[in-house]
Amino acid sequence: MYKAIVLACLINSPDQCWEFVDTRGPYQTIQQCTARSYEMANAIREIHKGDMEPQQFKCEPLVGMKL
């Protein structure tokens, strides 16, 4: 099981970044988690309308069912 995390930073101040953690998961496969990460990145762009840009994502493996 994996949980999706996306790192996004302000465009005009790239040292100010936030981690966005998925609230839908966890996901059975790394492929599902990756797809969700891209979906989250697109939503971040849309919601923040050019002020924030996703920089990285990771699919963090879960131990048991711990989120």
Protein backbone atom coordinates (compact mmCIF):
# COMPACT_ATOMS: atom_id res chain seq x y z
CA MET A 1 0.00 0.00 0.00
CA TYR A 2 1.17 3.52 -0.84
CA LYS A 3 0.17 7.06 0.03
CA ALA A 4 0.64 9.96 -2.39
CA ILE A 5 2.49 13.13 -1.36
CA VAL A 6 3.07 16.15 -3.63
CA LEU A 7 5.53 18.97 -2.89
CA ALA A 8 4.48 22.35 -4.33
CA CYS A 9 6.21 25.72 -4.02
CA LEU A 10 5.20 29.33 -4.57
CA ILE A 11 6.34 30.57 -7.97
CA ASN A 12 7.39 34.02 -6.74
CA SER A 13 9.05 32.59 -3.59
CA PRO A 14 10.36 29.10 -4.42
CA ASP A 15 11.77 28.56 -0.92
CA GLN A 16 8.21 28.47 0.46
CA CYS A 17 6.87 24.98 -0.16
CA TRP A 18 4.10 22.75 1.16
CA GLU A 19 3.51 19.02 1.19
CA PHE A 20 0.05 17.97 0.06
CA VAL A 21 -0.92 14.52 1.37
CA ASP A 22 -3.66 12.59 -0.40
CA THR A 23 -6.90 12.01 1.49
CA ARG A 24 -8.33 9.35 -0.85
CA GLY A 25 -5.70 6.60 -0.60
CA PRO A 26 -3.93 4.43 0.24
CA TYR A 27 -3.33 2.73 -3.11
CA GLN A 28 -2.58 -0.91 -3.81
CA THR A 29 0.04 -0.30 -6.52
CA ILE A 30 2.76 2.24 -7.22
CA GLN A 31 1.09 2.89 -10.60
CA GLN A 32 -2.20 3.88 -8.94
CA CYS A 33 -0.33 6.10 -6.50
CA THR A 34 1.64 7.75 -9.30
CA ALA A 35 -1.55 8.44 -11.27
CA ARG A 36 -3.12 10.00 -8.17
CA SER A 37 -0.01 12.15 -7.63
CA TYR A 38 -0.33 13.60 -11.14
CA GLU A 39 -4.04 14.20 -10.54
CA MET A 40 -3.19 16.05 -7.31
CA ALA A 41 -0.52 18.14 -9.08
CA ASN A 42 -3.03 19.23 -11.73
CA ALA A 43 -5.56 20.15 -9.02
CA ILE A 44 -2.93 22.18 -7.15
CA ARG A 45 -2.17 24.13 -10.34
CA GLU A 46 -5.87 24.75 -10.96
CA ILE A 47 -6.73 25.76 -7.39
CA HIS A 48 -3.73 28.08 -6.97
CA LYS A 49 -4.08 29.60 -10.46
CA GLY A 50 -0.42 30.13 -11.31
CA ASP A 51 0.76 31.06 -7.81
CA MET A 52 2.01 27.59 -6.91
CA GLU A 53 3.79 24.92 -8.94
CA PRO A 54 4.17 21.25 -8.00
CA GLN A 55 7.85 20.31 -7.88
CA GLN A 56 8.01 16.64 -6.86
CA PHE A 57 5.90 13.76 -5.73
CA LYS A 58 6.50 10.54 -3.89
CA CYS A 59 4.55 7.40 -3.22
CA GLU A 60 5.41 6.46 0.31
CA PRO A 61 5.06 2.78 1.20
CA LEU A 62 2.90 2.12 4.24
CA VAL A 63 3.72 -0.36 6.95
CA GLY A 64 0.53 -2.24 7.69
CA MET A 65 -2.34 0.23 7.48
CA LYS A 66 -0.56 3.15 9.17
CA LEU A 67 -1.19 6.44 7.37
